[in-house]
């Protein structure tokens, strides 16, 4: 599977995910726990790497993250 990367970042949504998470006053661990309820398993360390752009994010993960953080996919992509 090919991946779209932007320079040194493996995703373009990480910073927006972090901002939304902080706005909701969720820790990375709590976000991980809420994602499990959506049947998406991302550990706290992986969430940290997503937010810093070091880890790619699948479409299924992005969909669950947007639901848990109550933001649209367009918001995560900066549109």
PDB file of N, CA and C in Angstrom:
ATOM      1  N   UNK A   1       0.850  -1.164   0.000  1.00  0.00           N
ATOM      2  CA  UNK A   1       0.000   0.000   0.000  1.00  0.00           C
ATOM      3  C   UNK A   1       0.899   1.231   0.000  1.00  0.00           C
ATOM      4  N   UNK A   2       0.644   2.143  -0.906  1.00  0.00           N
ATOM      5  CA  UNK A   2       1.419   3.376  -0.923  1.00  0.00           C
ATOM      6  C   UNK A   2       0.866   4.342   0.108  1.00  0.00           C
ATOM      7  N   UNK A   3       1.730   5.188   0.600  1.00  0.00           N
ATOM      8  CA  UNK A   3       1.330   6.158   1.607  1.00  0.00           C
ATOM      9  C   UNK A   3       1.696   7.553   1.131  1.00  0.00           C
ATOM     10  N   UNK A   4       0.852   8.486   1.469  1.00  0.00           N
ATOM     11  CA  UNK A   4       1.117   9.879   1.127  1.00  0.00           C
ATOM     12  C   UNK A   4       1.780  10.518   2.338  1.00  0.00           C
ATOM     13  N   UNK A   5       2.972  11.029   2.145  1.00  0.00           N
ATOM     14  CA  UNK A   5       3.657  11.707   3.235  1.00  0.00           C
ATOM     15  C   UNK A   5       4.018  13.118   2.799  1.00  0.00           C
ATOM     16  N   UNK A   6       4.092  13.985   3.756  1.00  0.00           N
ATOM     17  CA  UNK A   6       4.359  15.394   3.501  1.00  0.00           C
ATOM     18  C   UNK A   6       5.704  15.742   4.127  1.00  0.00           C
ATOM     19  N   UNK A   7       6.752  15.710   3.341  1.00  0.00           N
ATOM     20  CA  UNK A   7       8.083  16.008   3.868  1.00  0.00           C
ATOM     21  C   UNK A   7       8.514  14.971   4.883  1.00  0.00           C
ATOM     22  N   UNK A   8       8.816  15.418   6.095  1.00  0.00           N
ATOM     23  CA  UNK A   8       9.242  14.516   7.159  1.00  0.00           C
ATOM     24  C   UNK A   8       8.082  13.974   7.983  1.00  0.00           C
ATOM     25  N   UNK A   9       6.883  14.435   7.691  1.00  0.00           N
ATOM     26  CA  UNK A   9       5.719  13.991   8.456  1.00  0.00           C
ATOM     27  C   UNK A   9       5.051  12.812   7.756  1.00  0.00           C
ATOM     28  N   UNK A  10       4.567  11.866   8.559  1.00  0.00           N
ATOM     29  CA  UNK A  10       3.859  10.714   8.016  1.00  0.00           C
ATOM     30  C   UNK A  10       2.351  10.922   7.996  1.00  0.00           C
ATOM     31  N   UNK A  11       1.883  12.020   8.530  1.00  0.00           N
ATOM     32  CA  UNK A  11       0.473  12.387   8.414  1.00  0.00           C
ATOM     33  C   UNK A  11       0.360  13.900   8.530  1.00  0.00           C
ATOM     34  N   UNK A  12      -0.735  14.433   8.036  1.00  0.00           N
ATOM     35  CA  UNK A  12      -0.930  15.887   8.078  1.00  0.00           C
ATOM     36  C   UNK A  12      -2.000  16.293   9.088  1.00  0.00           C
ATOM     37  N   UNK A  13      -2.486  15.318   9.858  1.00  0.00           N
ATOM     38  CA  UNK A  13      -3.577  15.593  10.790  1.00  0.00           C
ATOM     39  C   UNK A  13      -3.135  15.638  12.244  1.00  0.00           C
ATOM     40  N   UNK A  14      -1.918  15.237  12.533  1.00  0.00           N
ATOM     41  CA  UNK A  14      -1.466  15.081  13.908  1.00  0.00           C
ATOM     42  C   UNK A  14      -1.637  16.300  14.785  1.00  0.00           C
ATOM     43  N   UNK A  15      -1.219  17.438  14.301  1.00  0.00           N
ATOM     44  CA  UNK A  15      -1.317  18.658  15.105  1.00  0.00           C
ATOM     45  C   UNK A  15      -2.780  19.012  15.393  1.00  0.00           C
ATOM     46  N   UNK A  16      -3.640  18.822  14.417  1.00  0.00           N
ATOM     47  CA  UNK A  16      -5.070  19.127  14.612  1.00  0.00           C
ATOM     48  C   UNK A  16      -5.714  18.126  15.568  1.00  0.00           C
ATOM     49  N   UNK A  17      -5.275  16.860  15.501  1.00  0.00           N
ATOM     50  CA  UNK A  17      -5.770  15.859  16.446  1.00  0.00           C
ATOM     51  C   UNK A  17      -5.382  16.265  17.862  1.00  0.00           C
ATOM     52  N   UNK A  18      -4.128  16.658  18.042  1.00  0.00           N
ATOM     53  CA  UNK A  18      -3.664  17.072  19.369  1.00  0.00           C
ATOM     54  C   UNK A  18      -4.457  18.272  19.865  1.00  0.00           C
ATOM     55  N   UNK A  19      -4.656  19.265  19.016  1.00  0.00           N
ATOM     56  CA  UNK A  19      -5.407  20.456  19.424  1.00  0.00           C
ATOM     57  C   UNK A  19      -6.828  20.098  19.852  1.00  0.00           C
ATOM     58  N   UNK A  20      -7.481  19.231  19.104  1.00  0.00           N
ATOM     59  CA  UNK A  20      -8.851  18.822  19.436  1.00  0.00           C
ATOM     60  C   UNK A  20      -8.872  18.028  20.745  1.00  0.00           C
ATOM     61  N   UNK A  21      -7.873  17.163  20.929  1.00  0.00           N
ATOM     62  CA  UNK A  21      -7.791  16.358  22.156  1.00  0.00           C
ATOM     63  C   UNK A  21      -7.600  17.262  23.367  1.00  0.00           C
ATOM     64  N   UNK A  22      -6.688  18.210  23.267  1.00  0.00           N
ATOM     65  CA  UNK A  22      -6.426  19.131  24.371  1.00  0.00           C
ATOM     66  C   UNK A  22      -7.661  19.986  24.658  1.00  0.00           C
ATOM     67  N   UNK A  23      -8.323  20.423  23.604  1.00  0.00           N
ATOM     68  CA  UNK A  23      -9.545  21.230  23.767  1.00  0.00           C
ATOM     69  C   UNK A  23     -10.608  20.462  24.552  1.00  0.00           C
ATOM     70  N   UNK A  24     -10.674  19.147  24.337  1.00  0.00           N
ATOM     71  CA  UNK A  24     -11.643  18.313  25.066  1.00  0.00           C
ATOM     72  C   UNK A  24     -11.117  17.880  26.435  1.00  0.00           C
ATOM     73  N   UNK A  25      -9.902  18.310  26.756  1.00  0.00           N
ATOM     74  CA  UNK A  25      -9.265  17.984  28.038  1.00  0.00           C
ATOM     75  C   UNK A  25      -9.115  16.480  28.234  1.00  0.00           C
ATOM     76  N   UNK A  26      -8.704  15.805  27.165  1.00  0.00           N
ATOM     77  CA  UNK A  26      -8.441  14.365  27.231  1.00  0.00           C
ATOM     78  C   UNK A  26      -6.938  14.122  27.222  1.00  0.00           C
ATOM     79  N   UNK A  27      -6.511  13.204  28.033  1.00  0.00           N
ATOM     80  CA  UNK A  27      -5.121  12.764  27.954  1.00  0.00           C
ATOM     81  C   UNK A  27      -5.001  11.811  26.764  1.00  0.00           C
ATOM     82  N   UNK A  28      -3.778  11.552  26.354  1.00  0.00           N
ATOM     83  CA  UNK A  28      -3.575  10.581  25.276  1.00  0.00           C
ATOM     84  C   UNK A  28      -4.090   9.212  25.700  1.00  0.00           C
ATOM     85  N   UNK A  29      -3.896   8.854  26.963  1.00  0.00           N
ATOM     86  CA  UNK A  29      -4.380   7.566  27.470  1.00  0.00           C
ATOM     87  C   UNK A  29      -5.901   7.497  27.408  1.00  0.00           C
ATOM     88  N   UNK A  30      -6.565   8.568  27.809  1.00  0.00           N
ATOM     89  CA  UNK A  30      -8.037   8.589  27.783  1.00  0.00           C
ATOM     90  C   UNK A  30      -8.556   8.508  26.345  1.00  0.00           C
ATOM     91  N   UNK A  31      -7.884   9.194  25.414  1.00  0.00           N
ATOM     92  CA  UNK A  31      -8.274   9.096  24.009  1.00  0.00           C
ATOM     93  C   UNK A  31      -8.128   7.660  23.537  1.00  0.00           C
ATOM     94  N   UNK A  32      -7.042   7.013  23.906  1.00  0.00           N
ATOM     95  CA  UNK A  32      -6.824   5.618  23.541  1.00  0.00           C
ATOM     96  C   UNK A  32      -7.960   4.736  24.061  1.00  0.00           C
ATOM     97  N   UNK A  33      -8.370   4.959  25.296  1.00  0.00           N
ATOM     98  CA  UNK A  33      -9.460   4.182  25.897  1.00  0.00           C
ATOM     99  C   UNK A  33     -10.785   4.424  25.170  1.00  0.00           C
ATOM    100  N   UNK A  34     -11.062   5.668  24.819  1.00  0.00           N
ATOM    101  CA  UNK A  34     -12.304   5.982  24.098  1.00  0.00           C
ATOM    102  C   UNK A  34     -12.289   5.387  22.686  1.00  0.00           C
ATOM    103  N   UNK A  35     -11.128   5.334  22.057  1.00  0.00           N
ATOM    104  CA  UNK A  35     -11.023   4.724  20.731  1.00  0.00           C
ATOM    105  C   UNK A  35     -11.293   3.221  20.794  1.00  0.00           C
ATOM    106  N   UNK A  36     -10.905   2.583  21.908  1.00  0.00           N
ATOM    107  CA  UNK A  36     -11.187   1.157  22.074  1.00  0.00           C
ATOM    108  C   UNK A  36     -12.688   0.897  22.047  1.00  0.00           C
ATOM    109  N   UNK A  37     -13.473   1.814  22.573  1.00  0.00           N
ATOM    110  CA  UNK A  37     -14.936   1.665  22.547  1.00  0.00           C
ATOM    111  C   UNK A  37     -15.480   1.715  21.125  1.00  0.00           C
ATOM    112  N   UNK A  38     -14.695   2.281  20.207  1.00  0.00           N
ATOM    113  CA  UNK A  38     -15.047   2.332  18.785  1.00  0.00           C
ATOM    114  C   UNK A  38     -14.393   1.178  18.019  1.00  0.00           C
ATOM    115  N   UNK A  39     -13.796   0.234  18.759  1.00  0.00           N
ATOM    116  CA  UNK A  39     -13.099  -0.927  18.186  1.00  0.00           C
ATOM    117  C   UNK A  39     -11.877  -0.535  17.370  1.00  0.00           C
ATOM    118  N   UNK A  40     -11.229   0.557  17.799  1.00  0.00           N
ATOM    119  CA  UNK A  40      -9.983   1.007  17.179  1.00  0.00           C
ATOM    120  C   UNK A  40      -8.935   1.013  18.283  1.00  0.00           C
ATOM    121  N   UNK A  41      -7.881   0.259  18.066  1.00  0.00           N
ATOM    122  CA  UNK A  41      -6.883   0.060  19.115  1.00  0.00           C
ATOM    123  C   UNK A  41      -5.591   0.791  18.772  1.00  0.00           C
ATOM    124  N   UNK A  42      -5.414   1.938  19.416  1.00  0.00           N
ATOM    125  CA  UNK A  42      -4.197   2.742  19.268  1.00  0.00           C
ATOM    126  C   UNK A  42      -3.705   3.019  20.685  1.00  0.00           C
ATOM    127  N   UNK A  43      -2.528   2.545  21.014  1.00  0.00           N
ATOM    128  CA  UNK A  43      -2.002   2.765  22.366  1.00  0.00           C
ATOM    129  C   UNK A  43      -1.608   4.228  22.561  1.00  0.00           C
ATOM    130  N   UNK A  44      -1.377   4.611  23.799  1.00  0.00           N
ATOM    131  CA  UNK A  44      -1.025   5.980  24.127  1.00  0.00           C
ATOM    132  C   UNK A  44       0.236   6.419  23.395  1.00  0.00           C
ATOM    133  N   UNK A  45       1.219   5.549  23.329  1.00  0.00           N
ATOM    134  CA  UNK A  45       2.457   5.885  22.634  1.00  0.00           C
ATOM    135  C   UNK A  45       2.249   6.136  21.157  1.00  0.00           C
ATOM    136  N   UNK A  46       1.367   5.355  20.548  1.00  0.00           N
ATOM    137  CA  UNK A  46       1.064   5.556  19.128  1.00  0.00           C
ATOM    138  C   UNK A  46       0.324   6.862  18.903  1.00  0.00           C
ATOM    139  N   UNK A  47      -0.546   7.229  19.839  1.00  0.00           N
ATOM    140  CA  UNK A  47      -1.234   8.518  19.725  1.00  0.00           C
ATOM    141  C   UNK A  47      -0.211   9.651  19.775  1.00  0.00           C
ATOM    142  N   UNK A  48       0.774   9.514  20.637  1.00  0.00           N
ATOM    143  CA  UNK A  48       1.838  10.515  20.704  1.00  0.00           C
ATOM    144  C   UNK A  48       2.558  10.622  19.362  1.00  0.00           C
ATOM    145  N   UNK A  49       2.855   9.490  18.737  1.00  0.00           N
ATOM    146  CA  UNK A  49       3.545   9.502  17.447  1.00  0.00           C
ATOM    147  C   UNK A  49       2.645  10.034  16.331  1.00  0.00           C
ATOM    148  N   UNK A  50       1.338   9.774  16.410  1.00  0.00           N
ATOM    149  CA  UNK A  50       0.406  10.348  15.436  1.00  0.00           C
ATOM    150  C   UNK A  50       0.431  11.871  15.554  1.00  0.00           C
ATOM    151  N   UNK A  51       0.322  12.363  16.789  1.00  0.00           N
ATOM    152  CA  UNK A  51       0.267  13.804  17.016  1.00  0.00           C
ATOM    153  C   UNK A  51       1.543  14.516  16.577  1.00  0.00           C
ATOM    154  N   UNK A  52       2.671  13.826  16.673  1.00  0.00           N
ATOM    155  CA  UNK A  52       3.935  14.448  16.265  1.00  0.00           C
ATOM    156  C   UNK A  52       4.228  14.232  14.781  1.00  0.00           C
ATOM    157  N   UNK A  53       3.361  13.480  14.098  1.00  0.00           N
ATOM    158  CA  UNK A  53       3.533  13.241  12.667  1.00  0.00           C
ATOM    159  C   UNK A  53       4.469  12.101  12.340  1.00  0.00           C
ATOM    160  N   UNK A  54       4.911  11.356  13.348  1.00  0.00           N
ATOM    161  CA  UNK A  54       5.848  10.255  13.137  1.00  0.00           C
ATOM    162  C   UNK A  54       5.171   8.968  12.681  1.00  0.00           C
ATOM    163  N   UNK A  55       3.859   8.869  12.859  1.00  0.00           N
ATOM    164  CA  UNK A  55       3.119   7.652  12.533  1.00  0.00           C
ATOM    165  C   UNK A  55       1.996   7.964  11.560  1.00  0.00           C
ATOM    166  N   UNK A  56       1.814   7.078  10.604  1.00  0.00           N
ATOM    167  CA  UNK A  56       0.683   7.245   9.684  1.00  0.00           C
ATOM    168  C   UNK A  56      -0.616   6.898  10.409  1.00  0.00           C
ATOM    169  N   UNK A  57      -1.721   7.336   9.836  1.00  0.00           N
ATOM    170  CA  UNK A  57      -3.037   7.089  10.404  1.00  0.00           C
ATOM    171  C   UNK A  57      -3.909   6.494   9.309  1.00  0.00           C
ATOM    172  N   UNK A  58      -4.590   5.401   9.612  1.00  0.00           N
ATOM    173  CA  UNK A  58      -5.468   4.800   8.610  1.00  0.00           C
ATOM    174  C   UNK A  58      -6.779   5.571   8.533  1.00  0.00           C
ATOM    175  N   UNK A  59      -7.512   5.335   7.479  1.00  0.00           N
ATOM    176  CA  UNK A  59      -8.807   6.003   7.333  1.00  0.00           C
ATOM    177  C   UNK A  59      -9.764   5.590   8.444  1.00  0.00           C
ATOM    178  N   UNK A  60      -9.724   4.341   8.851  1.00  0.00           N
ATOM    179  CA  UNK A  60     -10.601   3.863   9.924  1.00  0.00           C
ATOM    180  C   UNK A  60     -10.237   4.544  11.241  1.00  0.00           C
ATOM    181  N   UNK A  61      -8.936   4.693  11.499  1.00  0.00           N
ATOM    182  CA  UNK A  61      -8.500   5.380  12.706  1.00  0.00           C
ATOM    183  C   UNK A  61      -8.932   6.840  12.696  1.00  0.00           C
ATOM    184  N   UNK A  62      -8.770   7.505  11.563  1.00  0.00           N
ATOM    185  CA  UNK A  62      -9.173   8.918  11.462  1.00  0.00           C
ATOM    186  C   UNK A  62     -10.670   9.088  11.686  1.00  0.00           C
ATOM    187  N   UNK A  63     -11.455   8.182  11.139  1.00  0.00           N
ATOM    188  CA  UNK A  63     -12.900   8.258  11.317  1.00  0.00           C
ATOM    189  C   UNK A  63     -13.261   8.142  12.799  1.00  0.00           C
ATOM    190  N   UNK A  64     -12.662   7.180  13.492  1.00  0.00           N
ATOM    191  CA  UNK A  64     -12.940   6.997  14.919  1.00  0.00           C
ATOM    192  C   UNK A  64     -12.449   8.183  15.737  1.00  0.00           C
ATOM    193  N   UNK A  65     -11.266   8.686  15.409  1.00  0.00           N
ATOM    194  CA  UNK A  65     -10.727   9.842  16.127  1.00  0.00           C
ATOM    195  C   UNK A  65     -11.648  11.045  15.969  1.00  0.00           C
ATOM    196  N   UNK A  66     -12.154  11.264  14.758  1.00  0.00           N
ATOM    197  CA  UNK A  66     -13.043  12.405  14.547  1.00  0.00           C
ATOM    198  C   UNK A  66     -14.334  12.257  15.357  1.00  0.00           C
ATOM    199  N   UNK A  67     -14.843  11.033  15.459  1.00  0.00           N
ATOM    200  CA  UNK A  67     -16.056  10.801  16.254  1.00  0.00           C
ATOM    201  C   UNK A  67     -15.798  11.037  17.734  1.00  0.00           C
ATOM    202  N   UNK A  68     -14.719  10.462  18.244  1.00  0.00           N
ATOM    203  CA  UNK A  68     -14.408  10.589  19.666  1.00  0.00           C
ATOM    204  C   UNK A  68     -14.133  12.040  20.042  1.00  0.00           C
ATOM    205  N   UNK A  69     -13.435  12.764  19.181  1.00  0.00           N
ATOM    206  CA  UNK A  69     -13.097  14.160  19.472  1.00  0.00           C
ATOM    207  C   UNK A  69     -14.182  15.137  19.031  1.00  0.00           C
ATOM    208  N   UNK A  70     -15.236  14.601  18.413  1.00  0.00           N
ATOM    209  CA  UNK A  70     -16.367  15.413  17.990  1.00  0.00           C
ATOM    210  C   UNK A  70     -15.955  16.541  17.040  1.00  0.00           C
ATOM    211  N   UNK A  71     -15.110  16.174  16.059  1.00  0.00           N
ATOM    212  CA  UNK A  71     -14.700  17.107  15.008  1.00  0.00           C
ATOM    213  C   UNK A  71     -14.906  16.413  13.660  1.00  0.00           C
ATOM    214  N   UNK A  72     -15.095  17.205  12.632  1.00  0.00           N
ATOM    215  CA  UNK A  72     -15.294  16.617  11.312  1.00  0.00           C
ATOM    216  C   UNK A  72     -13.950  16.200  10.712  1.00  0.00           C
ATOM    217  N   UNK A  73     -14.013  15.303   9.760  1.00  0.00           N
ATOM    218  CA  UNK A  73     -12.805  14.918   9.035  1.00  0.00           C
ATOM    219  C   UNK A  73     -12.217  16.128   8.315  1.00  0.00           C
ATOM    220  N   UNK A  74     -13.081  16.989   7.796  1.00  0.00           N
ATOM    221  CA  UNK A  74     -12.594  18.210   7.151  1.00  0.00           C
ATOM    222  C   UNK A  74     -11.782  19.067   8.117  1.00  0.00           C
ATOM    223  N   UNK A  75     -12.228  19.151   9.374  1.00  0.00           N
ATOM    224  CA  UNK A  75     -11.470  19.910  10.373  1.00  0.00           C
ATOM    225  C   UNK A  75     -10.097  19.292  10.596  1.00  0.00           C
ATOM    226  N   UNK A  76     -10.031  17.966  10.627  1.00  0.00           N
ATOM    227  CA  UNK A  76      -8.745  17.304  10.832  1.00  0.00           C
ATOM    228  C   UNK A  76      -7.801  17.525   9.648  1.00  0.00           C
ATOM    229  N   UNK A  77      -8.364  17.685   8.475  1.00  0.00           N
ATOM    230  CA  UNK A  77      -7.536  17.940   7.295  1.00  0.00           C
ATOM    231  C   UNK A  77      -7.325  19.428   7.050  1.00  0.00           C
ATOM    232  N   UNK A  78      -7.919  20.275   7.891  1.00  0.00           N
ATOM    233  CA  UNK A  78      -7.711  21.720   7.775  1.00  0.00           C
ATOM    234  C   UNK A  78      -8.481  22.350   6.640  1.00  0.00           C
ATOM    235  N   UNK A  79      -9.630  21.807   6.328  1.00  0.00           N
ATOM    236  CA  UNK A  79     -10.440  22.348   5.219  1.00  0.00           C
ATOM    237  C   UNK A  79     -11.613  23.114   5.740  1.00  0.00           C
TER     238      UNK A  79
END
